[in-house]
Amino acid sequence: MDFASLLKGAAVGFAIAAPVGPIGLLCIRRTFSDGAMTGLATGLGAAAADATYGLVAALGLGALTALLLNYASWLQVGGAVLMAALGIASLRRAARPAAALAAAAKGSTGLLSAFASTFMLTLTNPMTILSFAGMLAALSPSGTGVWGGAALVAGVFAGSVAWWLLLVGGVSASRKALPPQAMRWIEGSSGLALLGFAAWSLHTAA
């Protein structure tokens, strides 16, 4: 195992995951509403998708990369539709009374569903492959070949998971201090933000 590449990848994975976008927003909302395990499953779905695209780049699967990039716009539209559906669902939950929302929220999103939704949402951005290809070229020492690239991608996954653990831990710690009425605000604001992300994604895909 190339530990130097592993450490470099971990630093990059943490930095890539840290900015709060639609996945981070989903992770925060689900941690508040469904608990830490559901929030972590949400983050792991994104980390697994990043690792998948990173492996495609590391293995040099040019034909698959080209195919995905050829359909990038359609994949982006699919991701926008999924984000819009998640945003609408959040707004519908926000319209419920606070007590009913708190009672219905617990366990409303299963672990597999939380993982799968963010895995698919992250996969709808195939331009990630180009990011990983550039990263591998810049950080992989010459001559390390496939194993060096694999170590780098494993590091990216580990760094990404470390960020999601920190995020979920912080949100979970503050969860008990929030009054039930706060969940309506969290659901409503996250729903509006997801719809905004979906509109922007459709605009850039056009």
C-alpha atoms as a PDB file:
ATOM      1  CA  MET A   1       0.000   0.000   0.000  1.00  0.00           C
ATOM      2  CA  ASP A   2       1.296   3.454  -0.953  1.00  0.00           C
ATOM      3  CA  PHE A   3       0.736   5.310   2.338  1.00  0.00           C
ATOM      4  CA  ALA A   4       1.922   8.632   0.941  1.00  0.00           C
ATOM      5  CA  SER A   5      -0.779   8.507  -1.730  1.00  0.00           C
ATOM      6  CA  LEU A   6      -3.287   7.316   0.879  1.00  0.00           C
ATOM      7  CA  LEU A   7      -2.601  10.352   3.074  1.00  0.00           C
ATOM      8  CA  LYS A   8      -2.711  12.743   0.114  1.00  0.00           C
ATOM      9  CA  GLY A   9      -6.019  11.263  -0.981  1.00  0.00           C
ATOM     10  CA  ALA A  10      -7.443  11.564   2.533  1.00  0.00           C
ATOM     11  CA  ALA A  11      -6.604  15.276   2.613  1.00  0.00           C
ATOM     12  CA  VAL A  12      -8.203  15.796  -0.802  1.00  0.00           C
ATOM     13  CA  GLY A  13     -11.285  13.738   0.113  1.00  0.00           C
ATOM     14  CA  PHE A  14     -11.834  15.757   3.258  1.00  0.00           C
ATOM     15  CA  ALA A  15     -11.461  19.041   1.344  1.00  0.00           C
ATOM     16  CA  ILE A  16     -13.833  17.900  -1.434  1.00  0.00           C
ATOM     17  CA  ALA A  17     -16.526  16.754   1.000  1.00  0.00           C
ATOM     18  CA  ALA A  18     -16.349  19.735   3.365  1.00  0.00           C
ATOM     19  CA  PRO A  19     -18.173  22.420   1.307  1.00  0.00           C
ATOM     20  CA  VAL A  20     -21.891  22.198   2.108  1.00  0.00           C
ATOM     21  CA  GLY A  21     -23.874  21.531  -1.068  1.00  0.00           C
ATOM     22  CA  PRO A  22     -27.066  19.551  -1.637  1.00  0.00           C
ATOM     23  CA  ILE A  23     -25.567  16.358  -0.168  1.00  0.00           C
ATOM     24  CA  GLY A  24     -24.363  18.145   2.948  1.00  0.00           C
ATOM     25  CA  LEU A  25     -27.765  19.752   3.291  1.00  0.00           C
ATOM     26  CA  LEU A  26     -29.480  16.367   3.066  1.00  0.00           C
ATOM     27  CA  CYS A  27     -27.061  14.934   5.604  1.00  0.00           C
ATOM     28  CA  ILE A  28     -27.785  17.731   8.085  1.00  0.00           C
ATOM     29  CA  ARG A  29     -31.554  17.533   7.612  1.00  0.00           C
ATOM     30  CA  ARG A  30     -31.685  13.747   7.925  1.00  0.00           C
ATOM     31  CA  THR A  31     -29.485  13.794  11.011  1.00  0.00           C
ATOM     32  CA  PHE A  32     -31.863  16.261  12.650  1.00  0.00           C
ATOM     33  CA  SER A  33     -35.012  14.415  11.623  1.00  0.00           C
ATOM     34  CA  ASP A  34     -33.993  10.737  11.602  1.00  0.00           C
ATOM     35  CA  GLY A  35     -30.867  10.497  13.719  1.00  0.00           C
ATOM     36  CA  ALA A  36     -27.123  10.066  13.376  1.00  0.00           C
ATOM     37  CA  MET A  37     -27.183   6.675  11.629  1.00  0.00           C
ATOM     38  CA  THR A  38     -29.402   7.968   8.818  1.00  0.00           C
ATOM     39  CA  GLY A  39     -27.238  11.085   8.462  1.00  0.00           C
ATOM     40  CA  LEU A  40     -24.105   8.955   8.266  1.00  0.00           C
ATOM     41  CA  ALA A  41     -25.703   6.635   5.679  1.00  0.00           C
ATOM     42  CA  THR A  42     -26.445   9.749   3.611  1.00  0.00           C
ATOM     43  CA  GLY A  43     -22.810  10.851   3.712  1.00  0.00           C
ATOM     44  CA  LEU A  44     -21.512   7.357   2.982  1.00  0.00           C
ATOM     45  CA  GLY A  45     -23.612   7.218  -0.183  1.00  0.00           C
ATOM     46  CA  ALA A  46     -21.848  10.307  -1.507  1.00  0.00           C
ATOM     47  CA  ALA A  47     -18.426   9.002  -0.462  1.00  0.00           C
ATOM     48  CA  ALA A  48     -19.076   5.667  -2.204  1.00  0.00           C
ATOM     49  CA  ALA A  49     -20.101   7.423  -5.430  1.00  0.00           C
ATOM     50  CA  ASP A  50     -16.969   9.585  -5.358  1.00  0.00           C
ATOM     51  CA  ALA A  51     -14.869   6.457  -4.822  1.00  0.00           C
ATOM     52  CA  THR A  52     -16.603   4.754  -7.757  1.00  0.00           C
ATOM     53  CA  TYR A  53     -15.779   7.591 -10.121  1.00  0.00           C
ATOM     54  CA  GLY A  54     -12.283   7.801  -8.658  1.00  0.00           C
ATOM     55  CA  LEU A  55     -11.693   4.132  -9.456  1.00  0.00           C
ATOM     56  CA  VAL A  56     -12.890   4.645 -13.021  1.00  0.00           C
ATOM     57  CA  ALA A  57     -10.304   7.404 -13.396  1.00  0.00           C
ATOM     58  CA  ALA A  58      -7.558   5.424 -11.586  1.00  0.00           C
ATOM     59  CA  LEU A  59      -8.079   2.323 -13.730  1.00  0.00           C
ATOM     60  CA  GLY A  60      -7.918   4.376 -16.908  1.00  0.00           C
ATOM     61  CA  LEU A  61     -11.297   3.227 -18.215  1.00  0.00           C
ATOM     62  CA  GLY A  62     -11.356   5.794 -21.006  1.00  0.00           C
ATOM     63  CA  ALA A  63     -14.259   4.267 -22.928  1.00  0.00           C
ATOM     64  CA  LEU A  64     -16.526   4.293 -19.867  1.00  0.00           C
ATOM     65  CA  THR A  65     -15.417   7.817 -18.984  1.00  0.00           C
ATOM     66  CA  ALA A  66     -16.195   9.042 -22.504  1.00  0.00           C
ATOM     67  CA  LEU A  67     -19.614   7.350 -22.434  1.00  0.00           C
ATOM     68  CA  LEU A  68     -20.528   8.983 -19.128  1.00  0.00           C
ATOM     69  CA  LEU A  69     -19.351  12.389 -20.271  1.00  0.00           C
ATOM     70  CA  ASN A  70     -21.352  12.058 -23.505  1.00  0.00           C
ATOM     71  CA  TYR A  71     -24.489  11.645 -21.400  1.00  0.00           C
ATOM     72  CA  ALA A  72     -23.451  14.188 -18.754  1.00  0.00           C
ATOM     73  CA  SER A  73     -26.350  16.551 -19.508  1.00  0.00           C
ATOM     74  CA  TRP A  74     -28.961  13.809 -19.205  1.00  0.00           C
ATOM     75  CA  LEU A  75     -27.431  12.573 -15.969  1.00  0.00           C
ATOM     76  CA  GLN A  76     -27.452  16.116 -14.643  1.00  0.00           C
ATOM     77  CA  VAL A  77     -31.132  16.485 -15.510  1.00  0.00           C
ATOM     78  CA  GLY A  78     -31.849  13.237 -13.677  1.00  0.00           C
ATOM     79  CA  GLY A  79     -30.016  14.544 -10.634  1.00  0.00           C
ATOM     80  CA  ALA A  80     -31.982  17.799 -10.781  1.00  0.00           C
ATOM     81  CA  VAL A  81     -35.277  15.886 -10.847  1.00  0.00           C
ATOM     82  CA  LEU A  82     -34.186  13.825  -7.831  1.00  0.00           C
ATOM     83  CA  MET A  83     -33.137  16.979  -5.939  1.00  0.00           C
ATOM     84  CA  ALA A  84     -36.451  18.639  -6.764  1.00  0.00           C
ATOM     85  CA  ALA A  85     -38.376  15.592  -5.492  1.00  0.00           C
ATOM     86  CA  LEU A  86     -36.403  15.636  -2.234  1.00  0.00           C
ATOM     87  CA  GLY A  87     -36.980  19.383  -1.902  1.00  0.00           C
ATOM     88  CA  ILE A  88     -40.736  19.053  -2.428  1.00  0.00           C
ATOM     89  CA  ALA A  89     -40.850  16.247   0.152  1.00  0.00           C
ATOM     90  CA  SER A  90     -39.096  18.519   2.668  1.00  0.00           C
ATOM     91  CA  LEU A  91     -41.548  21.351   2.025  1.00  0.00           C
ATOM     92  CA  ARG A  92     -44.477  18.995   2.514  1.00  0.00           C
ATOM     93  CA  ARG A  93     -43.044  17.874   5.844  1.00  0.00           C
ATOM     94  CA  ALA A  94     -42.507  21.506   6.855  1.00  0.00           C
ATOM     95  CA  ALA A  95     -46.233  22.165   6.346  1.00  0.00           C
ATOM     96  CA  ARG A  96     -47.142  19.688   9.100  1.00  0.00           C
ATOM     97  CA  PRO A  97     -47.722  20.834  12.693  1.00  0.00           C
ATOM     98  CA  ALA A  98     -44.538  20.734  14.775  1.00  0.00           C
ATOM     99  CA  ALA A  99     -45.736  17.908  17.031  1.00  0.00           C
ATOM    100  CA  ALA A 100     -46.853  15.743  14.101  1.00  0.00           C
ATOM    101  CA  LEU A 101     -43.593  16.427  12.275  1.00  0.00           C
ATOM    102  CA  ALA A 102     -41.494  15.387  15.263  1.00  0.00           C
ATOM    103  CA  ALA A 103     -43.498  12.179  15.691  1.00  0.00           C
ATOM    104  CA  ALA A 104     -43.371  11.241  12.009  1.00  0.00           C
ATOM    105  CA  ALA A 105     -39.719  12.141  11.446  1.00  0.00           C
ATOM    106  CA  LYS A 106     -38.114   9.395  13.523  1.00  0.00           C
ATOM    107  CA  GLY A 107     -37.013   6.641  11.202  1.00  0.00           C
ATOM    108  CA  SER A 108     -38.911   8.054   8.215  1.00  0.00           C
ATOM    109  CA  THR A 109     -35.874   7.560   5.976  1.00  0.00           C
ATOM    110  CA  GLY A 110     -34.402   4.052   6.027  1.00  0.00           C
ATOM    111  CA  LEU A 111     -30.648   3.562   6.029  1.00  0.00           C
ATOM    112  CA  LEU A 112     -30.607   1.877   2.621  1.00  0.00           C
ATOM    113  CA  SER A 113     -32.822   4.573   1.122  1.00  0.00           C
ATOM    114  CA  ALA A 114     -30.624   7.317   2.603  1.00  0.00           C
ATOM    115  CA  PHE A 115     -27.490   5.680   1.176  1.00  0.00           C
ATOM    116  CA  ALA A 116     -28.979   4.932  -2.232  1.00  0.00           C
ATOM    117  CA  SER A 117     -30.474   8.386  -2.800  1.00  0.00           C
ATOM    118  CA  THR A 118     -27.216  10.253  -2.214  1.00  0.00           C
ATOM    119  CA  PHE A 119     -25.213   7.608  -4.087  1.00  0.00           C
ATOM    120  CA  MET A 120     -27.403   8.117  -7.157  1.00  0.00           C
ATOM    121  CA  LEU A 121     -27.482  11.886  -6.709  1.00  0.00           C
ATOM    122  CA  THR A 122     -23.681  12.056  -6.633  1.00  0.00           C
ATOM    123  CA  LEU A 123     -23.365   9.737  -9.637  1.00  0.00           C
ATOM    124  CA  THR A 124     -25.398  12.186 -11.715  1.00  0.00           C
ATOM    125  CA  ASN A 125     -22.322  14.449 -11.828  1.00  0.00           C
ATOM    126  CA  PRO A 126     -19.949  12.532 -14.151  1.00  0.00           C
ATOM    127  CA  MET A 127     -17.664  15.560 -14.406  1.00  0.00           C
ATOM    128  CA  THR A 128     -16.307  14.243 -11.101  1.00  0.00           C
ATOM    129  CA  ILE A 129     -14.331  11.764 -13.205  1.00  0.00           C
ATOM    130  CA  LEU A 130     -12.369  14.614 -14.791  1.00  0.00           C
ATOM    131  CA  SER A 131     -11.660  16.061 -11.352  1.00  0.00           C
ATOM    132  CA  PHE A 132     -10.307  12.735 -10.155  1.00  0.00           C
ATOM    133  CA  ALA A 133      -8.299  12.220 -13.342  1.00  0.00           C
ATOM    134  CA  GLY A 134      -6.605  15.588 -12.831  1.00  0.00           C
ATOM    135  CA  MET A 135      -6.062  14.869  -9.154  1.00  0.00           C
ATOM    136  CA  LEU A 136      -4.513  11.470  -9.873  1.00  0.00           C
ATOM    137  CA  ALA A 137      -2.184  12.986 -12.449  1.00  0.00           C
ATOM    138  CA  ALA A 138      -1.106  15.736 -10.045  1.00  0.00           C
ATOM    139  CA  LEU A 139      -0.695  13.677  -6.866  1.00  0.00           C
ATOM    140  CA  SER A 140       0.281  10.168  -7.950  1.00  0.00           C
ATOM    141  CA  PRO A 141       4.024   9.646  -7.981  1.00  0.00           C
ATOM    142  CA  SER A 142       5.304   8.481 -11.361  1.00  0.00           C
ATOM    143  CA  GLY A 143       5.575   4.747 -11.668  1.00  0.00           C
ATOM    144  CA  THR A 144       3.040   3.836  -8.992  1.00  0.00           C
ATOM    145  CA  GLY A 145       0.563   2.648 -11.616  1.00  0.00           C
ATOM    146  CA  VAL A 146      -2.816   1.239 -10.709  1.00  0.00           C
ATOM    147  CA  TRP A 147      -1.919   0.527  -7.067  1.00  0.00           C
ATOM    148  CA  GLY A 148      -0.824   4.099  -6.453  1.00  0.00           C
ATOM    149  CA  GLY A 149      -4.061   5.362  -7.962  1.00  0.00           C
ATOM    150  CA  ALA A 150      -6.090   2.867  -5.930  1.00  0.00           C
ATOM    151  CA  ALA A 151      -4.370   4.017  -2.712  1.00  0.00           C
ATOM    152  CA  LEU A 152      -5.155   7.615  -3.605  1.00  0.00           C
ATOM    153  CA  VAL A 153      -8.826   6.829  -4.222  1.00  0.00           C
ATOM    154  CA  ALA A 154      -9.021   4.823  -0.968  1.00  0.00           C
ATOM    155  CA  GLY A 155      -7.601   7.867   0.805  1.00  0.00           C
ATOM    156  CA  VAL A 156     -10.213  10.102  -0.805  1.00  0.00           C
ATOM    157  CA  PHE A 157     -12.950   7.794   0.470  1.00  0.00           C
ATOM    158  CA  ALA A 158     -11.441   7.740   3.979  1.00  0.00           C
ATOM    159  CA  GLY A 159     -11.090  11.519   4.069  1.00  0.00           C
ATOM    160  CA  SER A 160     -14.651  11.980   2.868  1.00  0.00           C
ATOM    161  CA  VAL A 161     -15.957   9.570   5.521  1.00  0.00           C
ATOM    162  CA  ALA A 162     -14.002  11.466   8.182  1.00  0.00           C
ATOM    163  CA  TRP A 163     -15.800  14.682   7.190  1.00  0.00           C
ATOM    164  CA  TRP A 164     -19.230  13.051   7.303  1.00  0.00           C
ATOM    165  CA  LEU A 165     -18.469  11.625  10.757  1.00  0.00           C
ATOM    166  CA  LEU A 166     -17.524  15.088  12.011  1.00  0.00           C
ATOM    167  CA  LEU A 167     -20.588  16.706  10.446  1.00  0.00           C
ATOM    168  CA  VAL A 168     -23.039  14.105  11.719  1.00  0.00           C
ATOM    169  CA  GLY A 169     -21.442  14.145  15.168  1.00  0.00           C
ATOM    170  CA  GLY A 170     -21.742  17.916  15.441  1.00  0.00           C
ATOM    171  CA  VAL A 171     -25.323  18.032  14.201  1.00  0.00           C
ATOM    172  CA  SER A 172     -26.342  15.108  16.395  1.00  0.00           C
ATOM    173  CA  ALA A 173     -24.871  16.794  19.472  1.00  0.00           C
ATOM    174  CA  SER A 174     -26.961  19.928  18.890  1.00  0.00           C
ATOM    175  CA  ARG A 175     -30.094  18.017  17.891  1.00  0.00           C
ATOM    176  CA  LYS A 176     -31.445  17.533  21.422  1.00  0.00           C
ATOM    177  CA  ALA A 177     -31.126  21.233  22.224  1.00  0.00           C
ATOM    178  CA  LEU A 178     -33.516  22.294  19.452  1.00  0.00           C
ATOM    179  CA  PRO A 179     -37.238  22.780  20.158  1.00  0.00           C
ATOM    180  CA  PRO A 180     -39.733  20.800  18.016  1.00  0.00           C
ATOM    181  CA  GLN A 181     -40.697  23.983  16.141  1.00  0.00           C
ATOM    182  CA  ALA A 182     -37.141  24.237  14.791  1.00  0.00           C
ATOM    183  CA  MET A 183     -37.676  21.121  12.663  1.00  0.00           C
ATOM    184  CA  ARG A 184     -40.268  22.945  10.553  1.00  0.00           C
ATOM    185  CA  TRP A 185     -37.738  25.691   9.818  1.00  0.00           C
ATOM    186  CA  ILE A 186     -35.030  23.139   8.985  1.00  0.00           C
ATOM    187  CA  GLU A 187     -37.347  21.175   6.685  1.00  0.00           C
ATOM    188  CA  GLY A 188     -38.636  24.316   4.957  1.00  0.00           C
ATOM    189  CA  SER A 189     -35.257  25.950   4.420  1.00  0.00           C
ATOM    190  CA  SER A 190     -33.646  22.718   3.200  1.00  0.00           C
ATOM    191  CA  GLY A 191     -36.563  22.141   0.818  1.00  0.00           C
ATOM    192  CA  LEU A 192     -36.189  25.602  -0.700  1.00  0.00           C
ATOM    193  CA  ALA A 193     -32.434  25.195  -0.970  1.00  0.00           C
ATOM    194  CA  LEU A 194     -32.757  21.810  -2.706  1.00  0.00           C
ATOM    195  CA  LEU A 195     -35.220  23.287  -5.197  1.00  0.00           C
ATOM    196  CA  GLY A 196     -32.708  26.081  -5.819  1.00  0.00           C
ATOM    197  CA  PHE A 197     -29.922  23.564  -6.427  1.00  0.00           C
ATOM    198  CA  ALA A 198     -32.222  21.639  -8.791  1.00  0.00           C
ATOM    199  CA  ALA A 199     -33.065  24.780 -10.778  1.00  0.00           C
ATOM    200  CA  TRP A 200     -29.396  25.693 -11.090  1.00  0.00           C
ATOM    201  CA  SER A 201     -28.526  22.159 -12.194  1.00  0.00           C
ATOM    202  CA  LEU A 202     -31.208  22.270 -14.905  1.00  0.00           C
ATOM    203  CA  HIS A 203     -29.968  25.679 -16.035  1.00  0.00           C
ATOM    204  CA  THR A 204     -26.353  24.520 -16.375  1.00  0.00           C
ATOM    205  CA  ALA A 205     -27.423  21.289 -18.105  1.00  0.00           C
ATOM    206  CA  ALA A 206     -29.288  23.197 -20.833  1.00  0.00           C
END
